[in-house]
PDB file of all heavy atoms in Angstrom:
ATOM      1  N   ASN A   1     -21.542  20.571  -2.001  1.00  0.00           N
ATOM      2  CA  ASN A   1     -22.282  19.532  -1.305  1.00  0.00           C
ATOM      3  C   ASN A   1     -22.005  18.146  -1.869  1.00  0.00           C
ATOM      4  O   ASN A   1     -22.556  17.171  -1.403  1.00  0.00           O
ATOM      5  CB  ASN A   1     -23.783  19.834  -1.368  1.00  0.00           C
ATOM      6  CG  ASN A   1     -24.530  19.116  -0.280  1.00  0.00           C
ATOM      7  OD1 ASN A   1     -23.947  18.619   0.665  1.00  0.00           O
ATOM      8  ND2 ASN A   1     -25.843  19.064  -0.427  1.00  0.00           N
ATOM      9  N   GLY A   2     -21.145  18.027  -2.855  1.00  0.00           N
ATOM     10  CA  GLY A   2     -20.885  16.732  -3.471  1.00  0.00           C
ATOM     11  C   GLY A   2     -19.885  15.896  -2.692  1.00  0.00           C
ATOM     12  O   GLY A   2     -19.232  16.365  -1.768  1.00  0.00           O
ATOM     13  N   LYS A   3     -19.771  14.648  -3.080  1.00  0.00           N
ATOM     14  CA  LYS A   3     -18.831  13.742  -2.445  1.00  0.00           C
ATOM     15  C   LYS A   3     -17.552  13.755  -3.264  1.00  0.00           C
ATOM     16  O   LYS A   3     -17.550  13.404  -4.427  1.00  0.00           O
ATOM     17  CB  LYS A   3     -19.421  12.347  -2.372  1.00  0.00           C
ATOM     18  CG  LYS A   3     -20.667  12.287  -1.515  1.00  0.00           C
ATOM     19  CD  LYS A   3     -21.269  10.919  -1.547  1.00  0.00           C
ATOM     20  CE  LYS A   3     -22.537  10.909  -0.709  1.00  0.00           C
ATOM     21  NZ  LYS A   3     -23.247   9.647  -0.776  1.00  0.00           N
ATOM     22  N   GLY A   4     -16.451  14.160  -2.640  1.00  0.00           N
ATOM     23  CA  GLY A   4     -15.193  14.276  -3.357  1.00  0.00           C
ATOM     24  C   GLY A   4     -14.248  13.130  -3.091  1.00  0.00           C
ATOM     25  O   GLY A   4     -14.617  12.091  -2.542  1.00  0.00           O
ATOM     26  N   GLU A   5     -13.002  13.340  -3.483  1.00  0.00           N
ATOM     27  CA  GLU A   5     -11.980  12.309  -3.352  1.00  0.00           C
ATOM     28  C   GLU A   5     -11.707  11.957  -1.899  1.00  0.00           C
ATOM     29  O   GLU A   5     -11.522  10.794  -1.566  1.00  0.00           O
ATOM     30  CB  GLU A   5     -10.684  12.790  -4.006  1.00  0.00           C
ATOM     31  CG  GLU A   5     -10.690  12.754  -5.513  1.00  0.00           C
ATOM     32  CD  GLU A   5      -9.346  13.189  -6.057  1.00  0.00           C
ATOM     33  OE1 GLU A   5      -8.338  12.511  -5.742  1.00  0.00           O
ATOM     34  OE2 GLU A   5      -9.306  14.192  -6.767  1.00  0.00           O
ATOM     35  N   GLU A   6     -11.658  12.980  -1.036  1.00  0.00           N
ATOM     36  CA  GLU A   6     -11.368  12.711   0.371  1.00  0.00           C
ATOM     37  C   GLU A   6     -12.497  11.907   1.018  1.00  0.00           C
ATOM     38  O   GLU A   6     -12.253  11.027   1.840  1.00  0.00           O
ATOM     39  CB  GLU A   6     -11.129  14.017   1.129  1.00  0.00           C
ATOM     40  CG  GLU A   6     -10.419  13.796   2.443  1.00  0.00           C
ATOM     41  CD  GLU A   6      -9.774  15.064   2.957  1.00  0.00           C
ATOM     42  OE1 GLU A   6      -8.691  15.421   2.446  1.00  0.00           O
ATOM     43  OE2 GLU A   6     -10.354  15.686   3.856  1.00  0.00           O
ATOM     44  N   TRP A   7     -13.735  12.206   0.634  1.00  0.00           N
ATOM     45  CA  TRP A   7     -14.872  11.440   1.156  1.00  0.00           C
ATOM     46  C   TRP A   7     -14.738   9.978   0.735  1.00  0.00           C
ATOM     47  O   TRP A   7     -14.911   9.077   1.552  1.00  0.00           O
ATOM     48  CB  TRP A   7     -16.185  12.017   0.637  1.00  0.00           C
ATOM     49  CG  TRP A   7     -17.370  11.236   1.116  1.00  0.00           C
ATOM     50  CD1 TRP A   7     -18.095  11.465   2.244  1.00  0.00           C
ATOM     51  CD2 TRP A   7     -17.947  10.081   0.495  1.00  0.00           C
ATOM     52  NE1 TRP A   7     -19.089  10.528   2.379  1.00  0.00           N
ATOM     53  CE2 TRP A   7     -19.016   9.657   1.307  1.00  0.00           C
ATOM     54  CE3 TRP A   7     -17.674   9.351  -0.652  1.00  0.00           C
ATOM     55  CZ2 TRP A   7     -19.807   8.551   1.006  1.00  0.00           C
ATOM     56  CZ3 TRP A   7     -18.452   8.248  -0.954  1.00  0.00           C
ATOM     57  CH2 TRP A   7     -19.517   7.864  -0.126  1.00  0.00           C
ATOM     58  N   LEU A   8     -14.423   9.732  -0.537  1.00  0.00           N
ATOM     59  CA  LEU A   8     -14.278   8.369  -1.040  1.00  0.00           C
ATOM     60  C   LEU A   8     -13.120   7.652  -0.348  1.00  0.00           C
ATOM     61  O   LEU A   8     -13.244   6.487   0.046  1.00  0.00           O
ATOM     62  CB  LEU A   8     -14.067   8.376  -2.557  1.00  0.00           C
ATOM     63  CG  LEU A   8     -13.956   7.001  -3.217  1.00  0.00           C
ATOM     64  CD1 LEU A   8     -15.256   6.217  -3.059  1.00  0.00           C
ATOM     65  CD2 LEU A   8     -13.609   7.156  -4.689  1.00  0.00           C
ATOM     66  N   PHE A   9     -12.009   8.354  -0.168  1.00  0.00           N
ATOM     67  CA  PHE A   9     -10.849   7.789   0.519  1.00  0.00           C
ATOM     68  C   PHE A   9     -11.228   7.369   1.946  1.00  0.00           C
ATOM     69  O   PHE A   9     -10.911   6.260   2.395  1.00  0.00           O
ATOM     70  CB  PHE A   9      -9.719   8.824   0.539  1.00  0.00           C
ATOM     71  CG  PHE A   9      -8.468   8.363   1.221  1.00  0.00           C
ATOM     72  CD1 PHE A   9      -7.637   7.435   0.619  1.00  0.00           C
ATOM     73  CD2 PHE A   9      -8.118   8.870   2.458  1.00  0.00           C
ATOM     74  CE1 PHE A   9      -6.465   7.012   1.239  1.00  0.00           C
ATOM     75  CE2 PHE A   9      -6.957   8.451   3.095  1.00  0.00           C
ATOM     76  CZ  PHE A   9      -6.129   7.522   2.485  1.00  0.00           C
ATOM     77  N   SER A  10     -11.941   8.235   2.631  1.00  0.00           N
ATOM     78  CA  SER A  10     -12.373   7.958   4.001  1.00  0.00           C
ATOM     79  C   SER A  10     -13.326   6.773   4.070  1.00  0.00           C
ATOM     80  O   SER A  10     -13.195   5.884   4.913  1.00  0.00           O
ATOM     81  CB  SER A  10     -13.051   9.214   4.570  1.00  0.00           C
ATOM     82  OG  SER A  10     -13.605   8.961   5.815  1.00  0.00           O
ATOM     83  N   TYR A  11     -14.274   6.738   3.149  1.00  0.00           N
ATOM     84  CA  TYR A  11     -15.278   5.675   3.144  1.00  0.00           C
ATOM     85  C   TYR A  11     -14.656   4.315   2.832  1.00  0.00           C
ATOM     86  O   TYR A  11     -14.938   3.316   3.492  1.00  0.00           O
ATOM     87  CB  TYR A  11     -16.380   6.008   2.138  1.00  0.00           C
ATOM     88  CG  TYR A  11     -17.601   5.140   2.294  1.00  0.00           C
ATOM     89  CD1 TYR A  11     -18.525   5.400   3.301  1.00  0.00           C
ATOM     90  CD2 TYR A  11     -17.826   4.061   1.449  1.00  0.00           C
ATOM     91  CE1 TYR A  11     -19.651   4.600   3.456  1.00  0.00           C
ATOM     92  CE2 TYR A  11     -18.943   3.257   1.599  1.00  0.00           C
ATOM     93  CZ  TYR A  11     -19.854   3.535   2.603  1.00  0.00           C
ATOM     94  OH  TYR A  11     -20.945   2.743   2.770  1.00  0.00           O
ATOM     95  N   ARG A  12     -13.766   4.273   1.834  1.00  0.00           N
ATOM     96  CA  ARG A  12     -13.103   3.011   1.469  1.00  0.00           C
ATOM     97  C   ARG A  12     -12.192   2.524   2.605  1.00  0.00           C
ATOM     98  O   ARG A  12     -12.089   1.336   2.861  1.00  0.00           O
ATOM     99  CB  ARG A  12     -12.300   3.163   0.177  1.00  0.00           C
ATOM    100  CG  ARG A  12     -13.147   3.415  -1.040  1.00  0.00           C
ATOM    101  CD  ARG A  12     -13.911   2.151  -1.442  1.00  0.00           C
ATOM    102  NE  ARG A  12     -14.633   2.394  -2.653  1.00  0.00           N
ATOM    103  CZ  ARG A  12     -15.955   2.373  -2.758  1.00  0.00           C
ATOM    104  NH1 ARG A  12     -16.695   2.106  -1.713  1.00  0.00           N
ATOM    105  NH2 ARG A  12     -16.550   2.612  -3.902  1.00  0.00           N
ATOM    106  N   PHE A  13     -11.528   3.481   3.262  1.00  0.00           N
ATOM    107  CA  PHE A  13     -10.692   3.091   4.401  1.00  0.00           C
ATOM    108  C   PHE A  13     -11.558   2.477   5.499  1.00  0.00           C
ATOM    109  O   PHE A  13     -11.194   1.453   6.076  1.00  0.00           O
ATOM    110  CB  PHE A  13      -9.931   4.295   4.961  1.00  0.00           C
ATOM    111  CG  PHE A  13      -9.233   3.984   6.253  1.00  0.00           C
ATOM    112  CD1 PHE A  13      -8.023   3.309   6.255  1.00  0.00           C
ATOM    113  CD2 PHE A  13      -9.802   4.327   7.471  1.00  0.00           C
ATOM    114  CE1 PHE A  13      -7.388   2.984   7.442  1.00  0.00           C
ATOM    115  CE2 PHE A  13      -9.184   4.008   8.664  1.00  0.00           C
ATOM    116  CZ  PHE A  13      -7.963   3.342   8.655  1.00  0.00           C
ATOM    117  N   ALA A  14     -12.699   3.089   5.799  1.00  0.00           N
ATOM    118  CA  ALA A  14     -13.590   2.574   6.842  1.00  0.00           C
ATOM    119  C   ALA A  14     -14.045   1.155   6.514  1.00  0.00           C
ATOM    120  O   ALA A  14     -14.055   0.282   7.394  1.00  0.00           O
ATOM    121  CB  ALA A  14     -14.790   3.501   7.009  1.00  0.00           C
ATOM    122  N   GLN A  15     -14.413   0.908   5.276  1.00  0.00           N
ATOM    123  CA  GLN A  15     -14.833  -0.438   4.873  1.00  0.00           C
ATOM    124  C   GLN A  15     -13.697  -1.450   5.038  1.00  0.00           C
ATOM    125  O   GLN A  15     -13.906  -2.549   5.548  1.00  0.00           O
ATOM    126  CB  GLN A  15     -15.305  -0.433   3.413  1.00  0.00           C
ATOM    127  CG  GLN A  15     -16.629   0.263   3.204  1.00  0.00           C
ATOM    128  CD  GLN A  15     -17.012   0.277   1.731  1.00  0.00           C
ATOM    129  OE1 GLN A  15     -16.175   0.479   0.854  1.00  0.00           O
ATOM    130  NE2 GLN A  15     -18.295   0.064   1.479  1.00  0.00           N
ATOM    131  N   THR A  16     -12.492  -1.071   4.607  1.00  0.00           N
ATOM    132  CA  THR A  16     -11.341  -1.966   4.697  1.00  0.00           C
ATOM    133  C   THR A  16     -10.976  -2.227   6.156  1.00  0.00           C
ATOM    134  O   THR A  16     -10.698  -3.360   6.543  1.00  0.00           O
ATOM    135  CB  THR A  16     -10.140  -1.372   3.933  1.00  0.00           C
ATOM    136  OG1 THR A  16     -10.532  -1.116   2.589  1.00  0.00           O
ATOM    137  CG2 THR A  16      -8.951  -2.311   3.948  1.00  0.00           C
ATOM    138  N   TYR A  17     -10.980  -1.175   6.970  1.00  0.00           N
ATOM    139  CA  TYR A  17     -10.652  -1.324   8.389  1.00  0.00           C
ATOM    140  C   TYR A  17     -11.639  -2.261   9.082  1.00  0.00           C
ATOM    141  O   TYR A  17     -11.244  -3.156   9.825  1.00  0.00           O
ATOM    142  CB  TYR A  17     -10.640   0.044   9.071  1.00  0.00           C
ATOM    143  CG  TYR A  17     -10.381  -0.032  10.548  1.00  0.00           C
ATOM    144  CD1 TYR A  17      -9.096  -0.258  11.037  1.00  0.00           C
ATOM    145  CD2 TYR A  17     -11.418   0.104  11.462  1.00  0.00           C
ATOM    146  CE1 TYR A  17      -8.852  -0.345  12.390  1.00  0.00           C
ATOM    147  CE2 TYR A  17     -11.180   0.016  12.822  1.00  0.00           C
ATOM    148  CZ  TYR A  17      -9.895  -0.201  13.280  1.00  0.00           C
ATOM    149  OH  TYR A  17      -9.661  -0.287  14.632  1.00  0.00           O
ATOM    150  N   LEU A  18     -12.911  -2.072   8.815  1.00  0.00           N
ATOM    151  CA  LEU A  18     -13.930  -2.914   9.437  1.00  0.00           C
ATOM    152  C   LEU A  18     -13.782  -4.370   8.985  1.00  0.00           C
ATOM    153  O   LEU A  18     -13.908  -5.291   9.787  1.00  0.00           O
ATOM    154  CB  LEU A  18     -15.323  -2.386   9.097  1.00  0.00           C
ATOM    155  CG  LEU A  18     -16.492  -2.957   9.884  1.00  0.00           C
ATOM    156  CD1 LEU A  18     -16.283  -2.786  11.376  1.00  0.00           C
ATOM    157  CD2 LEU A  18     -17.781  -2.281   9.466  1.00  0.00           C
ATOM    158  N   ALA A  19     -13.487  -4.586   7.704  1.00  0.00           N
ATOM    159  CA  ALA A  19     -13.282  -5.949   7.199  1.00  0.00           C
ATOM    160  C   ALA A  19     -12.058  -6.600   7.845  1.00  0.00           C
ATOM    161  O   ALA A  19     -12.072  -7.789   8.155  1.00  0.00           O
ATOM    162  CB  ALA A  19     -13.121  -5.929   5.685  1.00  0.00           C
ATOM    163  N   GLU A  20     -11.002  -5.824   8.077  1.00  0.00           N
ATOM    164  CA  GLU A  20      -9.807  -6.355   8.729  1.00  0.00           C
ATOM    165  C   GLU A  20     -10.058  -6.674  10.192  1.00  0.00           C
ATOM    166  O   GLU A  20      -9.434  -7.569  10.744  1.00  0.00           O
ATOM    167  CB  GLU A  20      -8.642  -5.363   8.628  1.00  0.00           C
ATOM    168  CG  GLU A  20      -7.927  -5.389   7.320  1.00  0.00           C
ATOM    169  CD  GLU A  20      -6.654  -4.572   7.351  1.00  0.00           C
ATOM    170  OE1 GLU A  20      -6.236  -4.109   8.436  1.00  0.00           O
ATOM    171  OE2 GLU A  20      -6.064  -4.387   6.275  1.00  0.00           O
ATOM    172  N   CYS A  21     -10.942  -5.938  10.836  1.00  0.00           N
ATOM    173  CA  CYS A  21     -11.226  -6.151  12.256  1.00  0.00           C
ATOM    174  C   CYS A  21     -11.880  -7.496  12.494  1.00  0.00           C
ATOM    175  O   CYS A  21     -11.683  -8.108  13.538  1.00  0.00           O
ATOM    176  CB  CYS A  21     -12.132  -5.055  12.803  1.00  0.00           C
ATOM    177  SG  CYS A  21     -11.269  -3.517  13.118  1.00  0.00           S
ATOM    178  N   ARG A  22     -12.655  -7.971  11.561  1.00  0.00           N
ATOM    179  CA  ARG A  22     -13.398  -9.221  11.774  1.00  0.00           C
ATOM    180  C   ARG A  22     -12.480 -10.391  12.125  1.00  0.00           C
ATOM    181  O   ARG A  22     -12.597 -10.948  13.196  1.00  0.00           O
ATOM    182  CB  ARG A  22     -14.268  -9.528  10.561  1.00  0.00           C
ATOM    183  CG  ARG A  22     -15.434  -8.581  10.472  1.00  0.00           C
ATOM    184  CD  ARG A  22     -16.406  -8.977   9.382  1.00  0.00           C
ATOM    185  NE  ARG A  22     -17.495  -8.010   9.354  1.00  0.00           N
ATOM    186  CZ  ARG A  22     -17.741  -7.191   8.353  1.00  0.00           C
ATOM    187  NH1 ARG A  22     -17.005  -7.226   7.272  1.00  0.00           N
ATOM    188  NH2 ARG A  22     -18.739  -6.335   8.418  1.00  0.00           N
ATOM    189  N   PRO A  23     -11.535 -10.772  11.243  1.00  0.00           N
ATOM    190  CA  PRO A  23     -10.692 -11.911  11.612  1.00  0.00           C
ATOM    191  C   PRO A  23      -9.669 -11.589  12.694  1.00  0.00           C
ATOM    192  O   PRO A  23      -9.359 -12.405  13.526  1.00  0.00           O
ATOM    193  CB  PRO A  23      -9.996 -12.282  10.307  1.00  0.00           C
ATOM    194  CG  PRO A  23     -10.087 -11.085   9.446  1.00  0.00           C
ATOM    195  CD  PRO A  23     -11.313 -10.327   9.884  1.00  0.00           C
ATOM    196  N   ARG A  24      -9.143 -10.355  12.697  1.00  0.00           N
ATOM    197  CA  ARG A  24      -8.069 -10.003  13.622  1.00  0.00           C
ATOM    198  C   ARG A  24      -8.552  -9.953  15.060  1.00  0.00           C
ATOM    199  O   ARG A  24      -7.843 -10.299  15.981  1.00  0.00           O
ATOM    200  CB  ARG A  24      -7.504  -8.634  13.213  1.00  0.00           C
ATOM    201  CG  ARG A  24      -6.192  -8.296  13.825  1.00  0.00           C
ATOM    202  CD  ARG A  24      -5.572  -7.127  13.102  1.00  0.00           C
ATOM    203  NE  ARG A  24      -6.424  -5.976  13.038  1.00  0.00           N
ATOM    204  CZ  ARG A  24      -6.385  -4.967  13.883  1.00  0.00           C
ATOM    205  NH1 ARG A  24      -5.560  -4.974  14.885  1.00  0.00           N
ATOM    206  NH2 ARG A  24      -7.196  -3.937  13.731  1.00  0.00           N
ATOM    207  N   ARG A  25      -9.776  -9.522  15.268  1.00  0.00           N
ATOM    208  CA  ARG A  25     -10.297  -9.355  16.609  1.00  0.00           C
ATOM    209  C   ARG A  25     -10.877 -10.639  17.201  1.00  0.00           C
ATOM    210  O   ARG A  25     -11.239 -10.669  18.355  1.00  0.00           O
ATOM    211  CB  ARG A  25     -11.382  -8.279  16.617  1.00  0.00           C
ATOM    212  CG  ARG A  25     -10.844  -6.899  16.380  1.00  0.00           C
ATOM    213  CD  ARG A  25     -10.285  -6.345  17.627  1.00  0.00           C
ATOM    214  NE  ARG A  25      -9.606  -5.092  17.363  1.00  0.00           N
ATOM    215  CZ  ARG A  25      -8.716  -4.565  18.168  1.00  0.00           C
ATOM    216  NH1 ARG A  25      -8.367  -5.181  19.256  1.00  0.00           N
ATOM    217  NH2 ARG A  25      -8.147  -3.425  17.877  1.00  0.00           N
ATOM    218  N   SER A  26     -10.984 -11.715  16.425  1.00  0.00           N
ATOM    219  CA  SER A  26     -11.634 -12.927  16.925  1.00  0.00           C
ATOM    220  C   SER A  26     -10.887 -13.537  18.111  1.00  0.00           C
ATOM    221  O   SER A  26     -11.493 -14.133  18.977  1.00  0.00           O
ATOM    222  CB  SER A  26     -11.785 -13.950  15.802  1.00  0.00           C
ATOM    223  OG  SER A  26     -10.514 -14.284  15.306  1.00  0.00           O
ATOM    224  N   ASN A  27      -9.563 -13.389  18.182  1.00  0.00           N
ATOM    225  CA  ASN A  27      -8.789 -13.945  19.283  1.00  0.00           C
ATOM    226  C   ASN A  27      -8.583 -12.932  20.411  1.00  0.00           C
ATOM    227  O   ASN A  27      -7.990 -13.258  21.420  1.00  0.00           O
ATOM    228  CB  ASN A  27      -7.424 -14.427  18.781  1.00  0.00           C
ATOM    229  CG  ASN A  27      -7.571 -15.559  17.796  1.00  0.00           C
ATOM    230  OD1 ASN A  27      -8.505 -16.337  17.881  1.00  0.00           O
ATOM    231  ND2 ASN A  27      -6.661 -15.632  16.848  1.00  0.00           N
ATOM    232  N   SER A  28      -9.035 -11.741  20.235  1.00  0.00           N
ATOM    233  CA  SER A  28      -8.851 -10.692  21.214  1.00  0.00           C
ATOM    234  C   SER A  28     -10.006 -10.675  22.211  1.00  0.00           C
ATOM    235  O   SER A  28     -11.108 -11.119  21.918  1.00  0.00           O
ATOM    236  CB  SER A  28      -8.770  -9.342  20.491  1.00  0.00           C
ATOM    237  OG  SER A  28      -8.774  -8.294  21.417  1.00  0.00           O
ATOM    238  N   LYS A  29      -9.732 -10.145  23.397  1.00  0.00           N
ATOM    239  CA  LYS A  29     -10.816  -9.974  24.376  1.00  0.00           C
ATOM    240  C   LYS A  29     -11.829  -8.961  23.861  1.00  0.00           C
ATOM    241  O   LYS A  29     -13.010  -9.092  24.084  1.00  0.00           O
ATOM    242  CB  LYS A  29     -10.245  -9.510  25.709  1.00  0.00           C
ATOM    243  CG  LYS A  29      -9.514 -10.588  26.457  1.00  0.00           C
ATOM    244  CD  LYS A  29      -9.053 -10.079  27.795  1.00  0.00           C
ATOM    245  CE  LYS A  29      -8.331 -11.177  28.545  1.00  0.00           C
ATOM    246  NZ  LYS A  29      -7.828 -10.712  29.839  1.00  0.00           N
ATOM    247  N   LYS A  30     -11.327  -7.938  23.182  1.00  0.00           N
ATOM    248  CA  LYS A  30     -12.208  -6.919  22.608  1.00  0.00           C
ATOM    249  C   LYS A  30     -12.609  -7.389  21.217  1.00  0.00           C
ATOM    250  O   LYS A  30     -11.969  -7.079  20.233  1.00  0.00           O
ATOM    251  CB  LYS A  30     -11.523  -5.565  22.587  1.00  0.00           C
ATOM    252  CG  LYS A  30     -11.261  -5.063  23.998  1.00  0.00           C
ATOM    253  CD  LYS A  30     -10.720  -3.688  24.035  1.00  0.00           C
ATOM    254  CE  LYS A  30     -10.516  -3.284  25.485  1.00  0.00           C
ATOM    255  NZ  LYS A  30      -9.923  -1.982  25.617  1.00  0.00           N
ATOM    256  N   ASN A  31     -13.681  -8.160  21.170  1.00  0.00           N
ATOM    257  CA  ASN A  31     -14.061  -8.859  19.946  1.00  0.00           C
ATOM    258  C   ASN A  31     -15.234  -8.228  19.208  1.00  0.00           C
ATOM    259  O   ASN A  31     -15.763  -8.821  18.288  1.00  0.00           O
ATOM    260  CB  ASN A  31     -14.380 -10.317  20.268  1.00  0.00           C
ATOM    261  CG  ASN A  31     -15.471 -10.448  21.322  1.00  0.00           C
ATOM    262  OD1 ASN A  31     -16.006  -9.455  21.801  1.00  0.00           O
ATOM    263  ND2 ASN A  31     -15.780 -11.667  21.687  1.00  0.00           N
ATOM    264  N   ARG A  32     -15.641  -7.046  19.605  1.00  0.00           N
ATOM    265  CA  ARG A  32     -16.732  -6.359  18.908  1.00  0.00           C
ATOM    266  C   ARG A  32     -16.224  -5.005  18.429  1.00  0.00           C
ATOM    267  O   ARG A  32     -15.422  -4.364  19.105  1.00  0.00           O
ATOM    268  CB  ARG A  32     -17.927  -6.146  19.850  1.00  0.00           C
ATOM    269  CG  ARG A  32     -18.500  -7.391  20.493  1.00  0.00           C
ATOM    270  CD  ARG A  32     -19.326  -8.247  19.568  1.00  0.00           C
ATOM    271  NE  ARG A  32     -20.360  -7.550  18.870  1.00  0.00           N
ATOM    272  CZ  ARG A  32     -21.606  -7.392  19.294  1.00  0.00           C
ATOM    273  NH1 ARG A  32     -21.992  -7.896  20.438  1.00  0.00           N
ATOM    274  NH2 ARG A  32     -22.486  -6.748  18.563  1.00  0.00           N
ATOM    275  N   THR A  33     -16.709  -4.569  17.277  1.00  0.00           N
ATOM    276  CA  THR A  33     -16.272  -3.303  16.691  1.00  0.00           C
ATOM    277  C   THR A  33     -17.459  -2.573  16.077  1.00  0.00           C
ATOM    278  O   THR A  33     -18.281  -3.186  15.403  1.00  0.00           O
ATOM    279  CB  THR A  33     -15.217  -3.545  15.588  1.00  0.00           C
ATOM    280  OG1 THR A  33     -14.107  -4.228  16.151  1.00  0.00           O
ATOM    281  CG2 THR A  33     -14.736  -2.240  14.980  1.00  0.00           C
ATOM    282  N   ALA A  34     -17.524  -1.273  16.311  1.00  0.00           N
ATOM    283  CA  ALA A  34     -18.498  -0.400  15.644  1.00  0.00           C
ATOM    284  C   ALA A  34     -17.727   0.784  15.079  1.00  0.00           C
ATOM    285  O   ALA A  34     -16.825   1.315  15.726  1.00  0.00           O
ATOM    286  CB  ALA A  34     -19.563   0.071  16.621  1.00  0.00           C
ATOM    287  N   VAL A  35     -18.071   1.175  13.859  1.00  0.00           N
ATOM    288  CA  VAL A  35     -17.376   2.259  13.163  1.00  0.00           C
ATOM    289  C   VAL A  35     -18.403   3.274  12.679  1.00  0.00           C
ATOM    290  O   VAL A  35     -19.422   2.900  12.104  1.00  0.00           O
ATOM    291  CB  VAL A  35     -16.565   1.706  11.967  1.00  0.00           C
ATOM    292  CG1 VAL A  35     -15.916   2.822  11.185  1.00  0.00           C
ATOM    293  CG2 VAL A  35     -15.522   0.711  12.440  1.00  0.00           C
ATOM    294  N   ALA A  36     -18.111   4.554  12.915  1.00  0.00           N
ATOM    295  CA  ALA A  36     -18.984   5.635  12.433  1.00  0.00           C
ATOM    296  C   ALA A  36     -18.127   6.777  11.912  1.00  0.00           C
ATOM    297  O   ALA A  36     -17.011   7.001  12.388  1.00  0.00           O
ATOM    298  CB  ALA A  36     -19.903   6.120  13.542  1.00  0.00           C
ATOM    299  N   ARG A  37     -18.668   7.488  10.931  1.00  0.00           N
ATOM    300  CA  ARG A  37     -17.940   8.594  10.310  1.00  0.00           C
ATOM    301  C   ARG A  37     -18.419   9.935  10.845  1.00  0.00           C
ATOM    302  O   ARG A  37     -19.560  10.075  11.267  1.00  0.00           O
ATOM    303  CB  ARG A  37     -18.161   8.579   8.786  1.00  0.00           C
ATOM    304  CG  ARG A  37     -17.651   7.336   8.111  1.00  0.00           C
ATOM    305  CD  ARG A  37     -17.902   7.340   6.603  1.00  0.00           C
ATOM    306  NE  ARG A  37     -19.314   7.383   6.274  1.00  0.00           N
ATOM    307  CZ  ARG A  37     -19.899   8.360   5.583  1.00  0.00           C
ATOM    308  NH1 ARG A  37     -19.202   9.362   5.134  1.00  0.00           N
ATOM    309  NH2 ARG A  37     -21.172   8.315   5.327  1.00  0.00           N
ATOM    310  N   GLU A  38     -17.508  10.919  10.809  1.00  0.00           N
ATOM    311  CA  GLU A  38     -17.789  12.321  11.119  1.00  0.00           C
ATOM    312  C   GLU A  38     -18.487  12.491  12.461  1.00  0.00           C
ATOM    313  O   GLU A  38     -19.617  12.963  12.539  1.00  0.00           O
ATOM    314  CB  GLU A  38     -18.565  12.959   9.975  1.00  0.00           C
ATOM    315  CG  GLU A  38     -17.763  12.946   8.690  1.00  0.00           C
ATOM    316  CD  GLU A  38     -18.430  13.681   7.548  1.00  0.00           C
ATOM    317  OE1 GLU A  38     -19.329  14.495   7.801  1.00  0.00           O
ATOM    318  OE2 GLU A  38     -18.042  13.426   6.403  1.00  0.00           O
ATOM    319  N   ILE A  39     -17.764  12.139  13.519  1.00  0.00           N
ATOM    320  CA  ILE A  39     -18.266  12.266  14.885  1.00  0.00           C
ATOM    321  C   ILE A  39     -17.674  13.533  15.498  1.00  0.00           C
ATOM    322  O   ILE A  39     -16.456  13.648  15.621  1.00  0.00           O
ATOM    323  CB  ILE A  39     -17.882  11.024  15.724  1.00  0.00           C
ATOM    324  CG1 ILE A  39     -18.460   9.755  15.117  1.00  0.00           C
ATOM    325  CG2 ILE A  39     -18.313  11.190  17.174  1.00  0.00           C
ATOM    326  CD1 ILE A  39     -19.964   9.662  15.125  1.00  0.00           C
ATOM    327  N   PRO A  40     -18.512  14.491  15.927  1.00  0.00           N
ATOM    328  CA  PRO A  40     -17.997  15.727  16.514  1.00  0.00           C
ATOM    329  C   PRO A  40     -17.694  15.566  18.005  1.00  0.00           C
ATOM    330  O   PRO A  40     -18.392  14.858  18.714  1.00  0.00           O
ATOM    331  CB  PRO A  40     -19.159  16.707  16.304  1.00  0.00           C
ATOM    332  CG  PRO A  40     -20.370  15.836  16.353  1.00  0.00           C
ATOM    333  CD  PRO A  40     -19.962  14.511  15.755  1.00  0.00           C
ATOM    334  N   ALA A  41     -16.635  16.213  18.453  1.00  0.00           N
ATOM    335  CA  ALA A  41     -16.310  16.295  19.879  1.00  0.00           C
ATOM    336  C   ALA A  41     -16.150  17.771  20.203  1.00  0.00           C
ATOM    337  O   ALA A  41     -15.271  18.433  19.641  1.00  0.00           O
ATOM    338  CB  ALA A  41     -15.038  15.531  20.189  1.00  0.00           C
TER     339      ALA A  41
END
């Protein structure tokens, strides 16, 4: 039940991706972003 390396890798990537979206998306028509982890389909 603990948080391992893959969990940390995933979480840090999500933070970095969201931070990159802020300036990059400002000139785009699609200027809003929402990110969520572990979504089942």
